[in-house]
N, C-alpha and C. Protein backbone atom coordinates (compact mmCIF):
# COMPACT_ATOMS: atom_id res chain seq x y z
N MET A 1 -18.00 -7.77 -5.59
CA MET A 1 -17.33 -6.67 -6.02
C MET A 1 -16.66 -5.93 -4.87
N TYR A 2 -17.43 -5.92 -3.63
CA TYR A 2 -16.92 -5.20 -2.39
C TYR A 2 -15.71 -5.95 -1.95
N ARG A 3 -15.65 -7.37 -2.03
CA ARG A 3 -14.56 -8.09 -1.54
C ARG A 3 -13.47 -7.71 -2.39
N LEU A 4 -13.50 -7.65 -3.79
CA LEU A 4 -12.42 -7.24 -4.78
C LEU A 4 -11.89 -5.90 -4.34
N PHE A 5 -12.84 -4.89 -3.93
CA PHE A 5 -12.41 -3.52 -3.60
C PHE A 5 -11.69 -3.63 -2.29
N LYS A 6 -11.88 -4.38 -1.49
CA LYS A 6 -11.15 -4.56 -0.14
C LYS A 6 -9.75 -5.06 -0.43
N TYR A 7 -9.76 -6.15 -1.34
CA TYR A 7 -8.49 -6.63 -1.78
C TYR A 7 -7.63 -5.55 -2.42
N PHE A 8 -8.14 -4.85 -3.16
CA PHE A 8 -7.44 -3.60 -3.94
C PHE A 8 -6.96 -2.61 -3.00
N ILE A 9 -7.67 -2.31 -1.94
CA ILE A 9 -7.21 -1.28 -0.95
C ILE A 9 -6.12 -1.96 -0.16
N LEU A 10 -6.10 -3.14 0.19
CA LEU A 10 -5.12 -3.94 0.90
C LEU A 10 -3.87 -3.89 0.25
N MET A 11 -3.99 -4.18 -1.07
CA MET A 11 -2.82 -4.41 -1.85
C MET A 11 -2.15 -2.90 -2.13
N LEU A 12 -3.03 -1.84 -2.12
CA LEU A 12 -2.48 -0.55 -2.23
C LEU A 12 -1.82 -0.18 -0.96
N ALA A 13 -2.25 -0.58 0.16
CA ALA A 13 -1.50 -0.19 1.43
C ALA A 13 -0.10 -1.06 1.42
N ILE A 14 -0.18 -2.27 1.01
CA ILE A 14 1.17 -3.04 0.77
C ILE A 14 2.06 -2.35 -0.08
N GLY A 15 1.49 -1.98 -1.31
CA GLY A 15 2.37 -1.50 -2.33
C GLY A 15 2.33 -0.04 -2.43
N GLY A 16 2.16 0.59 -1.19
CA GLY A 16 2.00 2.17 -1.22
C GLY A 16 3.12 2.70 -1.65
N LEU A 17 3.13 3.72 -2.36
CA LEU A 17 4.23 4.35 -3.19
C LEU A 17 4.20 5.80 -2.59
N SER A 18 5.46 6.39 -2.60
CA SER A 18 5.56 7.65 -2.19
C SER A 18 6.58 8.51 -3.16
N LEU A 19 6.22 9.74 -3.26
CA LEU A 19 6.99 10.63 -4.03
C LEU A 19 7.43 11.85 -3.39
N SER A 20 8.78 12.12 -3.57
CA SER A 20 9.43 13.25 -2.82
C SER A 20 10.10 13.93 -3.93
N ALA A 21 10.68 15.17 -3.81
CA ALA A 21 11.63 15.81 -4.77
C ALA A 21 12.64 14.84 -5.03
N GLN A 22 13.26 14.25 -4.22
CA GLN A 22 14.40 13.48 -4.44
C GLN A 22 14.04 12.15 -5.27
N ALA A 23 12.74 11.64 -5.02
CA ALA A 23 12.26 10.43 -5.70
C ALA A 23 11.76 10.59 -6.96
N ALA A 24 11.62 11.78 -7.35
CA ALA A 24 10.87 12.19 -8.80
C ALA A 24 11.56 11.51 -9.84
N GLU A 25 13.08 11.57 -9.77
CA GLU A 25 13.87 10.97 -10.89
C GLU A 25 14.01 9.57 -10.83
N ILE A 26 13.63 8.83 -9.75
CA ILE A 26 13.70 7.46 -9.84
C ILE A 26 12.67 6.77 -10.53
N GLY A 27 13.06 5.72 -11.18
CA GLY A 27 12.16 4.85 -12.23
C GLY A 27 11.00 4.40 -11.38
N PRO A 28 9.90 4.35 -11.94
CA PRO A 28 8.70 3.78 -11.21
C PRO A 28 8.73 2.34 -10.43
N ASP A 29 9.51 1.57 -11.18
CA ASP A 29 9.57 0.17 -10.59
C ASP A 29 10.59 0.26 -9.46
N THR A 30 11.56 0.87 -9.47
CA THR A 30 12.57 1.12 -8.34
C THR A 30 11.85 1.92 -7.15
N LEU A 31 11.09 2.84 -7.46
CA LEU A 31 10.30 3.66 -6.53
C LEU A 31 9.31 2.67 -5.68
N ALA A 32 8.63 1.86 -6.58
CA ALA A 32 7.74 0.92 -5.96
C ALA A 32 8.36 -0.11 -4.91
N ARG A 33 9.47 -0.66 -5.43
CA ARG A 33 10.22 -1.54 -4.48
C ARG A 33 10.53 -0.94 -3.40
N ASN A 34 11.34 0.32 -3.45
CA ASN A 34 11.97 0.74 -2.25
C ASN A 34 10.86 1.31 -1.11
N VAL A 35 9.74 1.76 -1.53
CA VAL A 35 8.79 2.33 -0.61
C VAL A 35 7.90 1.29 -0.11
N THR A 36 7.73 0.20 -0.95
CA THR A 36 7.08 -1.00 -0.38
C THR A 36 7.60 -1.61 0.69
N ASN A 37 8.93 -1.80 0.65
CA ASN A 37 9.64 -2.28 1.77
C ASN A 37 9.71 -1.29 2.94
N ASP A 38 9.61 -0.01 2.73
CA ASP A 38 9.57 0.74 3.83
C ASP A 38 8.22 0.68 4.49
N VAL A 39 7.23 0.69 3.78
CA VAL A 39 5.89 0.48 4.39
C VAL A 39 5.66 -0.58 5.24
N LEU A 40 6.10 -1.73 4.54
CA LEU A 40 5.98 -3.06 5.36
C LEU A 40 6.86 -3.07 6.68
N ARG A 41 8.12 -2.48 6.50
CA ARG A 41 9.03 -2.31 7.61
C ARG A 41 8.18 -1.66 8.83
N ILE A 42 7.67 -0.50 8.40
CA ILE A 42 6.92 0.38 9.49
C ILE A 42 5.74 -0.36 10.15
N VAL A 43 5.00 -0.93 9.29
CA VAL A 43 3.73 -1.64 9.89
C VAL A 43 4.22 -2.75 10.78
N ARG A 44 5.16 -3.48 10.34
CA ARG A 44 5.70 -4.69 11.19
C ARG A 44 6.39 -4.16 12.47
N GLN A 45 6.89 -3.06 12.45
CA GLN A 45 7.80 -2.66 13.66
C GLN A 45 7.00 -1.72 14.58
N ASP A 46 6.10 -1.02 13.95
CA ASP A 46 5.44 0.06 14.89
C ASP A 46 4.17 -0.62 15.65
N LYS A 47 4.22 -0.71 16.86
CA LYS A 47 3.14 -1.32 17.67
C LYS A 47 1.88 -0.57 17.73
N ASP A 48 2.04 0.65 17.54
CA ASP A 48 0.98 1.59 17.77
C ASP A 48 0.13 1.40 16.31
N ILE A 49 0.78 1.26 15.20
CA ILE A 49 0.03 1.22 14.08
C ILE A 49 -0.73 -0.25 14.00
N ALA A 50 0.08 -1.29 14.40
CA ALA A 50 -0.37 -2.69 14.66
C ALA A 50 -1.67 -2.67 15.31
N SER A 51 -1.66 -1.99 16.33
CA SER A 51 -2.88 -1.87 17.28
C SER A 51 -4.09 -0.89 16.78
N GLY A 52 -3.88 -0.26 15.65
CA GLY A 52 -4.88 0.60 15.03
C GLY A 52 -4.75 1.96 15.50
N ASN A 53 -3.77 2.49 16.08
CA ASN A 53 -3.73 3.98 16.42
C ASN A 53 -3.98 4.82 15.22
N THR A 54 -5.26 5.41 15.32
CA THR A 54 -5.73 6.23 14.19
C THR A 54 -4.79 7.31 13.56
N SER A 55 -4.20 8.11 14.61
CA SER A 55 -3.52 9.31 13.94
C SER A 55 -2.09 8.63 13.39
N LYS A 56 -1.68 7.60 13.81
CA LYS A 56 -0.27 7.11 13.19
C LYS A 56 -0.69 6.56 12.01
N VAL A 57 -1.77 5.80 11.83
CA VAL A 57 -2.23 5.14 10.57
C VAL A 57 -2.32 6.20 9.56
N ASN A 58 -3.25 7.23 9.97
CA ASN A 58 -3.55 8.22 9.01
C ASN A 58 -2.25 8.91 8.50
N ALA A 59 -1.33 9.30 9.43
CA ALA A 59 -0.09 9.78 9.04
C ALA A 59 0.71 8.95 7.97
N LEU A 60 0.78 7.76 8.13
CA LEU A 60 1.41 6.78 7.39
C LEU A 60 0.75 6.75 5.92
N VAL A 61 -0.55 6.81 5.91
CA VAL A 61 -1.33 6.99 4.64
C VAL A 61 -1.08 8.13 3.90
N GLU A 62 -1.02 9.29 4.65
CA GLU A 62 -0.75 10.37 3.98
C GLU A 62 0.66 10.58 3.55
N GLN A 63 1.65 10.24 4.22
CA GLN A 63 3.04 10.29 3.92
C GLN A 63 3.48 9.43 2.91
N LYS A 64 3.13 8.11 2.96
CA LYS A 64 3.66 7.08 2.09
C LYS A 64 2.79 6.60 0.96
N ILE A 65 1.49 6.84 0.97
CA ILE A 65 0.59 6.16 -0.04
C ILE A 65 0.05 7.21 -0.93
N LEU A 66 -0.57 8.31 -0.37
CA LEU A 66 -1.22 9.12 -1.25
C LEU A 66 -0.59 9.92 -2.13
N PRO A 67 0.76 10.58 -1.81
CA PRO A 67 1.41 11.53 -2.63
C PRO A 67 1.60 10.94 -4.17
N LEU A 68 1.65 9.77 -4.40
CA LEU A 68 1.80 9.33 -5.69
C LEU A 68 0.53 9.34 -6.66
N PHE A 69 -0.50 9.38 -6.00
CA PHE A 69 -1.82 9.22 -6.86
C PHE A 69 -2.28 10.45 -7.41
N ASN A 70 -2.65 10.30 -8.69
CA ASN A 70 -3.27 11.40 -9.30
C ASN A 70 -4.79 11.38 -9.16
N PHE A 71 -5.17 11.81 -8.14
CA PHE A 71 -6.59 11.65 -7.76
C PHE A 71 -7.61 12.32 -8.74
N LYS A 72 -7.10 13.55 -9.27
CA LYS A 72 -8.05 14.25 -10.22
C LYS A 72 -8.17 13.39 -11.63
N HIS A 73 -7.09 12.80 -11.96
CA HIS A 73 -7.21 12.02 -13.22
C HIS A 73 -7.95 10.58 -12.98
N MET A 74 -7.82 10.20 -11.82
CA MET A 74 -8.67 8.86 -11.43
C MET A 74 -10.05 9.18 -11.35
N THR A 75 -10.47 10.34 -10.67
CA THR A 75 -11.96 10.68 -10.68
C THR A 75 -12.46 10.88 -11.99
N GLN A 76 -11.58 11.69 -12.82
CA GLN A 76 -12.01 11.91 -14.07
C GLN A 76 -12.44 10.67 -14.94
N LEU A 77 -11.53 9.56 -14.82
CA LEU A 77 -11.59 8.51 -15.48
C LEU A 77 -13.02 7.64 -14.90
N ALA A 78 -13.11 7.80 -13.53
CA ALA A 78 -14.32 7.01 -12.95
C ALA A 78 -15.58 7.70 -13.29
N VAL A 79 -15.70 8.97 -13.37
CA VAL A 79 -16.87 9.82 -13.67
C VAL A 79 -17.15 9.77 -15.08
N ALA A 80 -16.12 9.43 -15.91
CA ALA A 80 -16.21 9.31 -17.42
C ALA A 80 -16.91 10.46 -18.15
N LYS A 81 -17.87 10.07 -18.91
CA LYS A 81 -18.59 10.98 -19.71
C LYS A 81 -19.17 12.09 -19.10
N HIS A 82 -19.49 11.97 -17.70
CA HIS A 82 -20.20 13.04 -16.97
C HIS A 82 -19.23 14.09 -16.53
N TRP A 83 -17.96 13.84 -16.56
CA TRP A 83 -16.97 14.75 -16.10
C TRP A 83 -17.00 16.05 -16.80
N PRO A 84 -16.92 16.10 -18.10
CA PRO A 84 -17.01 17.42 -18.91
C PRO A 84 -18.13 18.31 -18.65
N ARG A 85 -19.26 17.55 -18.11
CA ARG A 85 -20.52 18.29 -17.87
C ARG A 85 -20.53 18.90 -16.62
N ALA A 86 -19.64 18.45 -15.62
CA ALA A 86 -19.46 19.01 -14.30
C ALA A 86 -18.91 20.44 -14.30
N THR A 87 -19.30 21.33 -13.45
CA THR A 87 -18.59 22.70 -13.26
C THR A 87 -17.32 22.39 -12.67
N PRO A 88 -16.34 23.36 -12.70
CA PRO A 88 -15.17 23.28 -12.03
C PRO A 88 -15.29 22.86 -10.55
N GLU A 89 -16.25 23.66 -10.05
CA GLU A 89 -16.44 23.44 -8.66
C GLU A 89 -16.93 21.98 -8.23
N GLN A 90 -17.81 21.56 -9.12
CA GLN A 90 -18.26 20.06 -8.94
C GLN A 90 -17.18 19.11 -9.17
N GLN A 91 -16.27 19.40 -10.01
CA GLN A 91 -15.12 18.58 -10.40
C GLN A 91 -14.10 18.52 -9.26
N GLU A 92 -13.94 19.61 -8.57
CA GLU A 92 -13.04 19.79 -7.21
C GLU A 92 -13.76 18.97 -6.04
N SER A 93 -15.15 19.07 -6.01
CA SER A 93 -15.79 18.44 -4.97
C SER A 93 -15.71 16.88 -5.30
N LEU A 94 -15.99 16.43 -6.47
CA LEU A 94 -15.89 15.03 -6.84
C LEU A 94 -14.47 14.43 -6.40
N THR A 95 -13.53 15.20 -6.70
CA THR A 95 -12.08 14.75 -6.57
C THR A 95 -11.89 14.61 -5.07
N ASP A 96 -12.25 15.60 -4.22
CA ASP A 96 -11.87 15.77 -2.74
C ASP A 96 -12.76 14.47 -2.09
N GLN A 97 -14.03 14.39 -2.57
CA GLN A 97 -14.78 13.15 -1.86
C GLN A 97 -14.23 11.83 -2.37
N PHE A 98 -13.74 11.64 -3.63
CA PHE A 98 -13.14 10.44 -4.07
C PHE A 98 -11.91 10.07 -3.34
N ARG A 99 -11.14 11.24 -3.10
CA ARG A 99 -9.75 11.05 -2.33
C ARG A 99 -10.16 10.63 -0.96
N GLY A 100 -11.14 11.37 -0.30
CA GLY A 100 -11.39 11.12 1.20
C GLY A 100 -11.91 9.60 1.22
N MET A 101 -12.66 9.03 0.23
CA MET A 101 -13.22 7.73 0.37
C MET A 101 -12.13 6.78 0.33
N LEU A 102 -11.12 7.03 -0.49
CA LEU A 102 -9.85 6.01 -0.48
C LEU A 102 -9.11 6.14 0.80
N VAL A 103 -8.78 7.25 1.27
CA VAL A 103 -8.17 7.62 2.52
C VAL A 103 -8.63 6.73 3.62
N ARG A 104 -9.97 6.88 3.77
CA ARG A 104 -10.67 6.15 4.90
C ARG A 104 -10.56 4.68 4.83
N THR A 105 -10.55 4.18 3.59
CA THR A 105 -10.38 2.81 3.34
C THR A 105 -8.89 2.30 3.49
N TYR A 106 -8.03 2.97 3.04
CA TYR A 106 -6.63 2.66 3.30
C TYR A 106 -6.45 2.54 4.74
N ALA A 107 -6.91 3.62 5.62
CA ALA A 107 -6.52 3.65 6.95
C ALA A 107 -7.16 2.37 7.72
N SER A 108 -8.34 2.06 7.36
CA SER A 108 -8.96 0.88 7.95
C SER A 108 -8.34 -0.53 7.54
N SER A 109 -7.49 -0.60 6.42
CA SER A 109 -6.90 -1.78 5.99
C SER A 109 -5.35 -1.96 6.19
N LEU A 110 -4.91 -0.75 6.56
CA LEU A 110 -3.28 -0.79 6.65
C LEU A 110 -2.72 -1.76 7.73
N THR A 111 -3.38 -2.01 8.85
CA THR A 111 -2.76 -2.76 9.95
C THR A 111 -2.81 -4.12 9.45
N SER A 112 -3.44 -4.66 8.40
CA SER A 112 -3.46 -5.95 7.99
C SER A 112 -2.41 -6.35 7.13
N VAL A 113 -1.50 -5.38 6.65
CA VAL A 113 -0.72 -5.70 5.50
C VAL A 113 0.57 -6.67 5.98
N ALA A 114 0.84 -6.69 7.35
CA ALA A 114 2.11 -7.30 7.78
C ALA A 114 2.23 -8.74 7.25
N ASP A 115 1.04 -9.46 7.17
CA ASP A 115 1.00 -10.85 6.73
C ASP A 115 1.24 -11.05 5.38
N TYR A 116 1.23 -10.06 4.62
CA TYR A 116 1.34 -10.18 2.98
C TYR A 116 2.67 -10.04 2.57
N LYS A 117 2.97 -10.61 1.41
CA LYS A 117 4.20 -10.64 0.61
C LYS A 117 3.90 -10.15 -0.72
N ILE A 118 4.78 -9.33 -1.17
CA ILE A 118 4.62 -8.75 -2.57
C ILE A 118 5.89 -9.01 -3.43
N GLU A 119 5.55 -9.56 -4.56
CA GLU A 119 6.69 -9.94 -5.60
C GLU A 119 6.50 -8.91 -6.92
N PHE A 120 7.54 -8.24 -7.08
CA PHE A 120 7.44 -7.44 -8.32
C PHE A 120 7.93 -8.33 -9.65
N LYS A 121 7.25 -8.18 -10.56
CA LYS A 121 7.36 -8.71 -11.97
C LYS A 121 8.47 -8.07 -12.79
N PRO A 122 9.14 -8.66 -13.77
CA PRO A 122 10.20 -7.92 -14.63
C PRO A 122 9.30 -6.59 -15.08
N PHE A 123 10.06 -5.53 -15.20
CA PHE A 123 9.46 -4.26 -15.45
C PHE A 123 9.95 -3.98 -17.01
N ARG A 124 8.93 -3.69 -17.64
CA ARG A 124 9.26 -3.38 -19.15
C ARG A 124 8.93 -2.05 -19.59
N SER A 125 9.84 -1.18 -20.23
CA SER A 125 9.53 0.08 -20.74
C SER A 125 10.57 0.52 -21.66
N THR A 126 10.38 1.48 -22.34
CA THR A 126 11.32 2.05 -23.44
C THR A 126 11.49 3.36 -23.04
N PRO A 127 12.49 4.06 -23.54
CA PRO A 127 12.95 5.48 -23.28
C PRO A 127 11.88 6.31 -23.80
N GLY A 128 11.44 7.36 -23.00
CA GLY A 128 10.45 8.14 -23.53
C GLY A 128 8.98 7.89 -23.07
N ASP A 129 8.77 6.54 -22.68
CA ASP A 129 7.50 6.31 -22.16
C ASP A 129 6.97 7.32 -21.23
N THR A 130 5.65 7.73 -21.40
CA THR A 130 5.04 8.69 -20.33
C THR A 130 3.90 7.83 -19.64
N GLU A 131 3.59 6.64 -19.99
CA GLU A 131 2.61 5.57 -19.34
C GLU A 131 3.35 4.21 -19.23
N VAL A 132 3.24 3.71 -17.97
CA VAL A 132 3.87 2.38 -17.83
C VAL A 132 3.01 1.71 -16.88
N THR A 133 3.35 0.29 -16.68
CA THR A 133 2.56 -0.55 -15.92
C THR A 133 3.75 -1.17 -14.93
N VAL A 134 3.42 -1.11 -13.56
CA VAL A 134 4.51 -2.00 -12.83
C VAL A 134 3.69 -3.15 -12.17
N SER A 135 3.99 -4.28 -12.61
CA SER A 135 3.19 -5.52 -12.20
C SER A 135 3.70 -6.17 -10.85
N THR A 136 2.77 -6.55 -10.16
CA THR A 136 3.13 -7.37 -8.85
C THR A 136 2.31 -8.45 -8.73
N GLU A 137 2.68 -9.29 -7.69
CA GLU A 137 1.76 -10.47 -7.32
C GLU A 137 2.02 -10.36 -5.74
N VAL A 138 0.70 -10.54 -5.22
CA VAL A 138 0.66 -10.28 -3.71
C VAL A 138 0.05 -11.71 -3.20
N SER A 139 0.65 -12.01 -2.01
CA SER A 139 0.09 -13.24 -1.52
C SER A 139 0.44 -13.38 0.13
N LYS A 140 -0.36 -14.27 0.61
CA LYS A 140 -0.22 -14.53 2.03
C LYS A 140 -0.36 -16.07 2.31
N PRO A 141 0.17 -16.56 3.32
CA PRO A 141 0.05 -18.08 3.63
C PRO A 141 -1.41 -18.53 3.57
N GLY A 142 -1.64 -19.72 2.85
CA GLY A 142 -3.03 -20.27 2.71
C GLY A 142 -3.89 -19.64 1.86
N ALA A 143 -3.40 -18.65 0.89
CA ALA A 143 -4.30 -17.96 0.02
C ALA A 143 -3.67 -17.97 -1.41
N PRO A 144 -4.34 -18.07 -2.53
CA PRO A 144 -3.65 -17.94 -3.86
C PRO A 144 -3.31 -16.49 -4.12
N PRO A 145 -2.12 -16.40 -4.78
CA PRO A 145 -1.59 -15.00 -5.14
C PRO A 145 -2.50 -14.21 -6.09
N ILE A 146 -2.50 -12.95 -5.83
CA ILE A 146 -3.34 -12.14 -6.44
C ILE A 146 -2.45 -11.06 -7.40
N PRO A 147 -2.56 -11.09 -8.81
CA PRO A 147 -1.98 -10.16 -9.54
C PRO A 147 -2.46 -8.66 -9.40
N ILE A 148 -1.54 -7.75 -9.13
CA ILE A 148 -1.89 -6.21 -9.13
C ILE A 148 -0.97 -5.51 -10.09
N ASP A 149 -1.70 -4.70 -10.95
CA ASP A 149 -0.86 -3.85 -11.84
C ASP A 149 -1.20 -2.47 -11.55
N TYR A 150 -0.15 -1.66 -11.36
CA TYR A 150 -0.32 -0.34 -11.23
C TYR A 150 0.02 0.50 -12.58
N ARG A 151 -0.81 1.32 -12.97
CA ARG A 151 -0.67 2.03 -14.05
C ARG A 151 -0.32 3.36 -13.77
N LEU A 152 0.95 3.99 -14.38
CA LEU A 152 1.45 5.19 -13.87
C LEU A 152 1.61 6.08 -15.13
N GLU A 153 1.61 7.25 -14.85
CA GLU A 153 1.86 8.38 -15.96
C GLU A 153 3.00 9.30 -15.42
N LYS A 154 3.68 9.76 -16.33
CA LYS A 154 4.83 10.70 -15.95
C LYS A 154 4.33 12.26 -16.32
N THR A 155 4.27 12.98 -15.15
CA THR A 155 3.66 14.38 -15.09
C THR A 155 4.77 15.36 -15.41
N ASP A 156 4.40 16.46 -15.78
CA ASP A 156 5.54 17.41 -16.00
C ASP A 156 6.32 17.86 -14.85
N ASN A 157 5.71 17.85 -13.88
CA ASN A 157 6.49 18.51 -12.54
C ASN A 157 6.49 17.76 -11.30
N ASN A 158 5.60 16.61 -11.30
CA ASN A 158 5.65 15.77 -10.20
C ASN A 158 5.93 14.24 -10.24
N GLY A 159 6.76 14.14 -11.27
CA GLY A 159 7.13 12.60 -11.47
C GLY A 159 6.27 11.73 -11.89
N TRP A 160 6.28 10.39 -11.28
CA TRP A 160 5.35 9.42 -11.76
C TRP A 160 4.08 9.37 -10.86
N LYS A 161 2.91 9.20 -11.28
CA LYS A 161 1.77 9.14 -10.58
C LYS A 161 0.71 7.99 -10.85
N VAL A 162 0.24 7.40 -10.03
CA VAL A 162 -0.75 6.32 -10.43
C VAL A 162 -2.15 6.96 -10.81
N PHE A 163 -2.50 6.38 -11.92
CA PHE A 163 -3.94 6.87 -12.33
C PHE A 163 -4.93 5.61 -12.48
N ASP A 164 -4.50 4.41 -12.27
CA ASP A 164 -5.39 3.24 -12.17
C ASP A 164 -4.61 2.04 -11.65
N VAL A 165 -5.40 1.14 -11.04
CA VAL A 165 -4.78 -0.06 -10.48
C VAL A 165 -5.68 -1.14 -11.04
N ILE A 166 -5.06 -2.27 -11.55
CA ILE A 166 -5.82 -3.39 -11.96
C ILE A 166 -5.57 -4.50 -10.81
N VAL A 167 -6.63 -4.95 -10.53
CA VAL A 167 -6.62 -6.10 -9.37
C VAL A 167 -7.24 -7.24 -10.20
N ASP A 168 -6.45 -8.43 -10.25
CA ASP A 168 -6.81 -9.61 -10.74
C ASP A 168 -7.57 -9.32 -12.16
N ASN A 169 -7.03 -8.41 -12.98
CA ASN A 169 -7.59 -8.09 -14.30
C ASN A 169 -8.82 -7.25 -14.16
N VAL A 170 -9.06 -6.61 -13.06
CA VAL A 170 -10.20 -5.77 -12.97
C VAL A 170 -9.75 -4.31 -12.67
N SER A 171 -10.14 -3.33 -13.34
CA SER A 171 -9.61 -2.02 -13.15
C SER A 171 -10.42 -1.30 -12.05
N LEU A 172 -9.78 -0.61 -11.24
CA LEU A 172 -10.39 0.21 -10.15
C LEU A 172 -11.29 1.35 -10.69
N VAL A 173 -11.02 2.07 -11.66
CA VAL A 173 -11.77 3.05 -12.26
C VAL A 173 -12.90 2.56 -12.97
N THR A 174 -12.81 1.42 -13.40
CA THR A 174 -14.07 0.75 -14.14
C THR A 174 -15.05 0.38 -13.20
N VAL A 175 -14.54 -0.27 -12.14
CA VAL A 175 -15.46 -0.65 -11.08
C VAL A 175 -16.28 0.59 -10.42
N TYR A 176 -15.54 1.69 -10.21
CA TYR A 176 -16.26 2.88 -9.72
C TYR A 176 -17.08 3.39 -10.74
N ARG A 177 -16.74 3.32 -11.99
CA ARG A 177 -17.49 4.03 -13.16
C ARG A 177 -18.94 3.55 -13.19
N SER A 178 -19.17 2.31 -12.83
CA SER A 178 -20.45 1.61 -13.03
C SER A 178 -21.35 2.24 -11.87
N SER A 179 -20.80 2.32 -10.72
CA SER A 179 -21.66 2.84 -9.56
C SER A 179 -21.77 4.45 -9.69
N PHE A 180 -20.82 5.08 -9.97
CA PHE A 180 -20.83 6.55 -10.15
C PHE A 180 -21.82 6.87 -11.35
N ASN A 181 -21.92 6.15 -12.40
CA ASN A 181 -22.73 6.39 -13.45
C ASN A 181 -24.37 6.16 -13.00
N SER A 182 -24.44 5.24 -12.03
CA SER A 182 -25.73 4.99 -11.65
C SER A 182 -26.26 6.13 -10.75
N GLU A 183 -25.26 6.53 -9.94
CA GLU A 183 -25.68 7.74 -9.00
C GLU A 183 -25.99 9.07 -9.90
N VAL A 184 -25.28 9.23 -10.91
CA VAL A 184 -25.42 10.26 -11.72
C VAL A 184 -26.78 10.33 -12.44
N ARG A 185 -27.17 9.20 -12.97
CA ARG A 185 -28.53 8.94 -13.53
C ARG A 185 -29.63 9.17 -12.57
N LYS A 186 -29.53 8.87 -11.19
CA LYS A 186 -30.42 9.09 -10.38
C LYS A 186 -30.53 10.55 -9.83
N GLY A 187 -29.56 11.25 -9.66
CA GLY A 187 -29.45 12.61 -9.07
C GLY A 187 -28.55 13.45 -9.68
N GLY A 188 -27.96 13.33 -10.88
CA GLY A 188 -27.14 14.28 -11.47
C GLY A 188 -25.83 14.23 -10.83
N VAL A 189 -24.90 15.22 -11.25
CA VAL A 189 -23.51 15.23 -10.48
C VAL A 189 -23.70 15.49 -9.14
N ASP A 190 -24.50 16.43 -8.81
CA ASP A 190 -24.87 16.60 -7.27
C ASP A 190 -25.28 15.50 -6.57
N GLY A 191 -25.93 14.69 -7.12
CA GLY A 191 -26.37 13.50 -6.44
C GLY A 191 -25.28 12.59 -6.29
N LEU A 192 -24.16 12.54 -7.13
CA LEU A 192 -23.08 11.66 -6.90
C LEU A 192 -22.23 12.24 -5.84
N ILE A 193 -22.12 13.64 -5.92
CA ILE A 193 -21.35 14.39 -4.64
C ILE A 193 -21.89 14.04 -3.42
N ALA A 194 -23.20 14.12 -3.38
CA ALA A 194 -24.01 13.84 -2.09
C ALA A 194 -23.75 12.45 -1.65
N ALA A 195 -23.71 11.49 -2.61
CA ALA A 195 -23.69 10.18 -2.23
C ALA A 195 -22.27 9.78 -1.53
N LEU A 196 -21.37 10.49 -2.18
CA LEU A 196 -19.90 10.24 -1.62
C LEU A 196 -19.79 10.92 -0.44
N GLU A 197 -20.42 12.09 -0.21
CA GLU A 197 -20.35 12.82 1.13
C GLU A 197 -20.96 11.99 2.25
N ARG A 198 -22.12 11.30 1.98
CA ARG A 198 -22.86 10.47 2.91
C ARG A 198 -21.78 9.22 3.18
N ARG A 199 -21.06 8.76 2.23
CA ARG A 199 -20.35 7.50 2.54
C ARG A 199 -19.07 8.01 3.49
N ASN A 200 -18.56 9.21 3.14
CA ASN A 200 -17.40 9.52 3.87
C ASN A 200 -17.73 10.19 5.36
N SER A 201 -19.02 10.46 5.57
CA SER A 201 -19.33 10.77 6.93
C SER A 201 -19.77 9.79 7.69
N ARG A 202 -19.71 8.60 7.27
CA ARG A 202 -20.18 7.43 8.18
C ARG A 202 -19.00 7.16 9.02
N PRO A 203 -19.12 6.65 10.35
CA PRO A 203 -18.09 6.37 11.19
C PRO A 203 -17.29 5.21 10.70
């Protein structure tokens, strides 16, 4: 499962999506293509990023990858039945820690994406859709391709946002749901928050 998670993070870095005021009206498939090419170009050309410059890597993650994600919705799906039982303060803490965990992992994986290639599959949607899937296939020399599906929702004010990612038919939020559920059973919602804080405090 950990290996699958690392693949997921790596593919997110490759397929990193970005949302700006100008991009809010762009279709999710076009947005994905445009910004994927931009991320790959930056990683391949910037020697500081290739060598692991922390400040530059973090800046690229913050600018190009994170803005499209609906972390609150993702956290809600991962926490599942325990989410309504959490106080607003606990929900905010869970979302912050979940985001922090993904940021750390994106940054540690971003320098590896230069060797990968991403292919976008035909995009299917109908007018008025508020949830869509952008399907891709990611590969590198000597390894079998991996299907990656991004599930996006159209928000009222911020355009398209990712709320789940399916890696080789395995959902990100489903993977986390199992481990989060285990932590809540052991120590309640505060126990889950503490577990995420411990993970994020590690070097």
